[in-house]
């Protein structure tokens, strides 16, 4: 899910990254916190984009 968020933000011109996902196997990363991070100046726009995407689903 985090990778989808990063792709959605990137498509809208907001650089983002996934942190905390050190395994490609979900069961190995399940207990770890996985975060999507953006620049502070892009935070509000990123939240708006992700909220709009969530409502569209």
PDB file of N, CA and C in Angstrom:
ATOM      1  N   UNK A   1       0.813  -1.191   0.000  1.00  0.00           N
ATOM      2  CA  UNK A   1       0.000   0.000   0.000  1.00  0.00           C
ATOM      3  C   UNK A   1       0.862   1.262   0.000  1.00  0.00           C
ATOM      4  N   UNK A   2       1.959   1.228   0.743  1.00  0.00           N
ATOM      5  CA  UNK A   2       2.839   2.395   0.804  1.00  0.00           C
ATOM      6  C   UNK A   2       3.415   2.714  -0.570  1.00  0.00           C
ATOM      7  N   UNK A   3       3.775   1.667  -1.318  1.00  0.00           N
ATOM      8  CA  UNK A   3       4.322   1.892  -2.660  1.00  0.00           C
ATOM      9  C   UNK A   3       3.287   2.526  -3.586  1.00  0.00           C
ATOM     10  N   UNK A   4       2.029   2.168  -3.413  1.00  0.00           N
ATOM     11  CA  UNK A   4       0.973   2.779  -4.215  1.00  0.00           C
ATOM     12  C   UNK A   4       0.823   4.259  -3.880  1.00  0.00           C
ATOM     13  N   UNK A   5       0.935   4.594  -2.599  1.00  0.00           N
ATOM     14  CA  UNK A   5       0.874   6.000  -2.183  1.00  0.00           C
ATOM     15  C   UNK A   5       2.020   6.794  -2.792  1.00  0.00           C
ATOM     16  N   UNK A   6       3.214   6.232  -2.750  1.00  0.00           N
ATOM     17  CA  UNK A   6       4.386   6.902  -3.316  1.00  0.00           C
ATOM     18  C   UNK A   6       4.202   7.113  -4.820  1.00  0.00           C
ATOM     19  N   UNK A   7       3.671   6.109  -5.505  1.00  0.00           N
ATOM     20  CA  UNK A   7       3.434   6.241  -6.948  1.00  0.00           C
ATOM     21  C   UNK A   7       2.392   7.314  -7.233  1.00  0.00           C
ATOM     22  N   UNK A   8       1.314   7.328  -6.464  1.00  0.00           N
ATOM     23  CA  UNK A   8       0.251   8.327  -6.650  1.00  0.00           C
ATOM     24  C   UNK A   8       0.796   9.738  -6.434  1.00  0.00           C
ATOM     25  N   UNK A   9       1.599   9.913  -5.386  1.00  0.00           N
ATOM     26  CA  UNK A   9       2.186  11.226  -5.117  1.00  0.00           C
ATOM     27  C   UNK A   9       3.171  11.617  -6.212  1.00  0.00           C
ATOM     28  N   UNK A  10       3.994  10.670  -6.649  1.00  0.00           N
ATOM     29  CA  UNK A  10       4.947  10.948  -7.720  1.00  0.00           C
ATOM     30  C   UNK A  10       4.257  11.357  -9.009  1.00  0.00           C
ATOM     31  N   UNK A  11       3.130  10.712  -9.316  1.00  0.00           N
ATOM     32  CA  UNK A  11       2.350  11.071 -10.505  1.00  0.00           C
ATOM     33  C   UNK A  11       1.831  12.492 -10.428  1.00  0.00           C
ATOM     34  N   UNK A  12       1.716  13.013  -9.209  1.00  0.00           N
ATOM     35  CA  UNK A  12       1.230  14.382  -9.001  1.00  0.00           C
ATOM     36  C   UNK A  12       2.358  15.362  -8.687  1.00  0.00           C
ATOM     37  N   UNK A  13       3.600  14.945  -8.946  1.00  0.00           N
ATOM     38  CA  UNK A  13       4.742  15.844  -8.807  1.00  0.00           C
ATOM     39  C   UNK A  13       5.275  16.002  -7.392  1.00  0.00           C
ATOM     40  N   UNK A  14       4.900  15.118  -6.498  1.00  0.00           N
ATOM     41  CA  UNK A  14       5.376  15.204  -5.118  1.00  0.00           C
ATOM     42  C   UNK A  14       6.336  14.047  -4.853  1.00  0.00           C
ATOM     43  N   UNK A  15       7.610  14.356  -4.631  1.00  0.00           N
ATOM     44  CA  UNK A  15       8.550  13.279  -4.320  1.00  0.00           C
ATOM     45  C   UNK A  15       8.243  12.666  -2.959  1.00  0.00           C
ATOM     46  N   UNK A  16       8.256  11.348  -2.892  1.00  0.00           N
ATOM     47  CA  UNK A  16       7.945  10.641  -1.645  1.00  0.00           C
ATOM     48  C   UNK A  16       8.772   9.370  -1.580  1.00  0.00           C
ATOM     49  N   UNK A  17       8.916   8.832  -0.380  1.00  0.00           N
ATOM     50  CA  UNK A  17       9.670   7.603  -0.204  1.00  0.00           C
ATOM     51  C   UNK A  17       9.044   6.716   0.850  1.00  0.00           C
ATOM     52  N   UNK A  18       9.338   5.419   0.751  1.00  0.00           N
ATOM     53  CA  UNK A  18       8.868   4.437   1.723  1.00  0.00           C
ATOM     54  C   UNK A  18      10.012   4.150   2.679  1.00  0.00           C
ATOM     55  N   UNK A  19       9.729   4.205   3.961  1.00  0.00           N
ATOM     56  CA  UNK A  19      10.734   3.924   4.986  1.00  0.00           C
ATOM     57  C   UNK A  19      10.230   2.825   5.905  1.00  0.00           C
ATOM     58  N   UNK A  20      11.126   1.910   6.263  1.00  0.00           N
ATOM     59  CA  UNK A  20      10.785   0.846   7.193  1.00  0.00           C
ATOM     60  C   UNK A  20      10.433  -0.471   6.541  1.00  0.00           C
ATOM     61  N   UNK A  21      10.359  -0.501   5.220  1.00  0.00           N
ATOM     62  CA  UNK A  21      10.044  -1.737   4.506  1.00  0.00           C
ATOM     63  C   UNK A  21      11.353  -2.350   4.022  1.00  0.00           C
ATOM     64  N   UNK A  22      11.907  -3.262   4.809  1.00  0.00           N
ATOM     65  CA  UNK A  22      13.196  -3.826   4.435  1.00  0.00           C
ATOM     66  C   UNK A  22      13.079  -5.213   3.821  1.00  0.00           C
ATOM     67  N   UNK A  23      11.858  -5.679   3.588  1.00  0.00           N
ATOM     68  CA  UNK A  23      11.666  -6.980   2.978  1.00  0.00           C
ATOM     69  C   UNK A  23      10.549  -6.895   1.947  1.00  0.00           C
ATOM     70  N   UNK A  24      10.714  -7.600   0.852  1.00  0.00           N
ATOM     71  CA  UNK A  24       9.663  -7.621  -0.164  1.00  0.00           C
ATOM     72  C   UNK A  24       8.561  -8.611   0.194  1.00  0.00           C
ATOM     73  N   UNK A  25       8.771  -9.400   1.256  1.00  0.00           N
ATOM     74  CA  UNK A  25       7.755 -10.346   1.719  1.00  0.00           C
ATOM     75  C   UNK A  25       6.933  -9.694   2.824  1.00  0.00           C
ATOM     76  N   UNK A  26       5.641  -9.443   2.572  1.00  0.00           N
ATOM     77  CA  UNK A  26       4.806  -8.741   3.567  1.00  0.00           C
ATOM     78  C   UNK A  26       4.838  -9.360   4.955  1.00  0.00           C
ATOM     79  N   UNK A  27       4.908 -10.674   5.058  1.00  0.00           N
ATOM     80  CA  UNK A  27       4.871 -11.303   6.378  1.00  0.00           C
ATOM     81  C   UNK A  27       6.111 -10.966   7.203  1.00  0.00           C
ATOM     82  N   UNK A  28       7.243 -10.683   6.537  1.00  0.00           N
ATOM     83  CA  UNK A  28       8.457 -10.336   7.264  1.00  0.00           C
ATOM     84  C   UNK A  28       8.465  -8.882   7.709  1.00  0.00           C
ATOM     85  N   UNK A  29       7.716  -8.045   7.028  1.00  0.00           N
ATOM     86  CA  UNK A  29       7.662  -6.625   7.367  1.00  0.00           C
ATOM     87  C   UNK A  29       6.421  -6.273   8.180  1.00  0.00           C
ATOM     88  N   UNK A  30       5.585  -7.250   8.458  1.00  0.00           N
ATOM     89  CA  UNK A  30       4.296  -6.977   9.085  1.00  0.00           C
ATOM     90  C   UNK A  30       4.414  -6.285  10.433  1.00  0.00           C
ATOM     91  N   UNK A  31       5.374  -6.671  11.241  1.00  0.00           N
ATOM     92  CA  UNK A  31       5.487  -6.124  12.592  1.00  0.00           C
ATOM     93  C   UNK A  31       6.187  -4.771  12.634  1.00  0.00           C
ATOM     94  N   UNK A  32       6.723  -4.324  11.542  1.00  0.00           N
ATOM     95  CA  UNK A  32       7.459  -3.063  11.511  1.00  0.00           C
ATOM     96  C   UNK A  32       6.559  -1.920  11.050  1.00  0.00           C
ATOM     97  N   UNK A  33       6.880  -0.735  11.529  1.00  0.00           N
ATOM     98  CA  UNK A  33       6.176   0.454  11.046  1.00  0.00           C
ATOM     99  C   UNK A  33       6.701   0.809   9.664  1.00  0.00           C
ATOM    100  N   UNK A  34       5.798   0.959   8.735  1.00  0.00           N
ATOM    101  CA  UNK A  34       6.159   1.377   7.385  1.00  0.00           C
ATOM    102  C   UNK A  34       5.573   2.771   7.198  1.00  0.00           C
ATOM    103  N   UNK A  35       6.410   3.702   6.756  1.00  0.00           N
ATOM    104  CA  UNK A  35       5.990   5.092   6.617  1.00  0.00           C
ATOM    105  C   UNK A  35       6.220   5.587   5.201  1.00  0.00           C
ATOM    106  N   UNK A  36       5.344   6.475   4.772  1.00  0.00           N
ATOM    107  CA  UNK A  36       5.530   7.226   3.539  1.00  0.00           C
ATOM    108  C   UNK A  36       5.911   8.631   3.968  1.00  0.00           C
ATOM    109  N   UNK A  37       7.049   9.101   3.482  1.00  0.00           N
ATOM    110  CA  UNK A  37       7.513  10.435   3.883  1.00  0.00           C
ATOM    111  C   UNK A  37       7.593  11.350   2.672  1.00  0.00           C
ATOM    112  N   UNK A  38       7.228  12.607   2.905  1.00  0.00           N
ATOM    113  CA  UNK A  38       7.315  13.663   1.896  1.00  0.00           C
ATOM    114  C   UNK A  38       8.012  14.861   2.523  1.00  0.00           C
ATOM    115  N   UNK A  39       8.418  15.792   1.692  1.00  0.00           N
ATOM    116  CA  UNK A  39       8.991  17.035   2.204  1.00  0.00           C
ATOM    117  C   UNK A  39       7.916  17.804   2.965  1.00  0.00           C
ATOM    118  N   UNK A  40       8.338  18.505   3.997  1.00  0.00           N
ATOM    119  CA  UNK A  40       7.397  19.258   4.816  1.00  0.00           C
ATOM    120  C   UNK A  40       6.565  20.231   3.980  1.00  0.00           C
ATOM    121  N   UNK A  41       7.190  20.835   2.990  1.00  0.00           N
ATOM    122  CA  UNK A  41       6.476  21.806   2.158  1.00  0.00           C
ATOM    123  C   UNK A  41       5.408  21.152   1.273  1.00  0.00           C
ATOM    124  N   UNK A  42       5.489  19.828   1.068  1.00  0.00           N
ATOM    125  CA  UNK A  42       4.520  19.099   0.242  1.00  0.00           C
ATOM    126  C   UNK A  42       3.461  18.372   1.065  1.00  0.00           C
ATOM    127  N   UNK A  43       3.556  18.458   2.389  1.00  0.00           N
ATOM    128  CA  UNK A  43       2.700  17.647   3.258  1.00  0.00           C
ATOM    129  C   UNK A  43       1.209  17.873   3.025  1.00  0.00           C
ATOM    130  N   UNK A  44       0.755  19.109   3.031  1.00  0.00           N
ATOM    131  CA  UNK A  44      -0.680  19.394   2.877  1.00  0.00           C
ATOM    132  C   UNK A  44      -1.197  18.929   1.527  1.00  0.00           C
ATOM    133  N   UNK A  45      -0.435  19.185   0.468  1.00  0.00           N
ATOM    134  CA  UNK A  45      -0.852  18.743  -0.867  1.00  0.00           C
ATOM    135  C   UNK A  45      -0.893  17.217  -0.938  1.00  0.00           C
ATOM    136  N   UNK A  46       0.089  16.562  -0.324  1.00  0.00           N
ATOM    137  CA  UNK A  46       0.120  15.097  -0.318  1.00  0.00           C
ATOM    138  C   UNK A  46      -1.094  14.533   0.401  1.00  0.00           C
ATOM    139  N   UNK A  47      -1.430  15.094   1.538  1.00  0.00           N
ATOM    140  CA  UNK A  47      -2.600  14.622   2.281  1.00  0.00           C
ATOM    141  C   UNK A  47      -3.888  14.825   1.480  1.00  0.00           C
ATOM    142  N   UNK A  48      -3.984  15.935   0.771  1.00  0.00           N
ATOM    143  CA  UNK A  48      -5.168  16.198  -0.052  1.00  0.00           C
ATOM    144  C   UNK A  48      -5.282  15.188  -1.185  1.00  0.00           C
ATOM    145  N   UNK A  49      -4.162  14.896  -1.831  1.00  0.00           N
ATOM    146  CA  UNK A  49      -4.158  13.929  -2.937  1.00  0.00           C
ATOM    147  C   UNK A  49      -4.548  12.546  -2.444  1.00  0.00           C
ATOM    148  N   UNK A  50      -3.958  12.115  -1.329  1.00  0.00           N
ATOM    149  CA  UNK A  50      -4.260  10.788  -0.811  1.00  0.00           C
ATOM    150  C   UNK A  50      -5.698  10.688  -0.290  1.00  0.00           C
ATOM    151  N   UNK A  51      -6.207  11.762   0.309  1.00  0.00           N
ATOM    152  CA  UNK A  51      -7.588  11.763   0.779  1.00  0.00           C
ATOM    153  C   UNK A  51      -8.553  11.677  -0.397  1.00  0.00           C
ATOM    154  N   UNK A  52      -8.263  12.406  -1.474  1.00  0.00           N
ATOM    155  CA  UNK A  52      -9.112  12.366  -2.654  1.00  0.00           C
ATOM    156  C   UNK A  52      -9.077  10.970  -3.295  1.00  0.00           C
ATOM    157  N   UNK A  53      -7.906  10.351  -3.317  1.00  0.00           N
ATOM    158  CA  UNK A  53      -7.781   9.005  -3.872  1.00  0.00           C
ATOM    159  C   UNK A  53      -8.560   8.006  -3.033  1.00  0.00           C
ATOM    160  N   UNK A  54      -8.537   8.193  -1.718  1.00  0.00           N
ATOM    161  CA  UNK A  54      -9.247   7.291  -0.808  1.00  0.00           C
ATOM    162  C   UNK A  54     -10.757   7.410  -1.020  1.00  0.00           C
ATOM    163  N   UNK A  55     -11.251   8.629  -1.211  1.00  0.00           N
ATOM    164  CA  UNK A  55     -12.689   8.836  -1.436  1.00  0.00           C
ATOM    165  C   UNK A  55     -13.133   8.269  -2.776  1.00  0.00           C
ATOM    166  N   UNK A  56     -12.238   8.310  -3.776  1.00  0.00           N
ATOM    167  CA  UNK A  56     -12.564   7.823  -5.111  1.00  0.00           C
ATOM    168  C   UNK A  56     -12.709   6.303  -5.144  1.00  0.00           C
ATOM    169  N   UNK A  57     -12.086   5.622  -4.196  1.00  0.00           N
ATOM    170  CA  UNK A  57     -12.154   4.157  -4.170  1.00  0.00           C
ATOM    171  C   UNK A  57     -13.411   3.758  -3.560  1.00  0.00           C
TER     172      UNK A  57
END
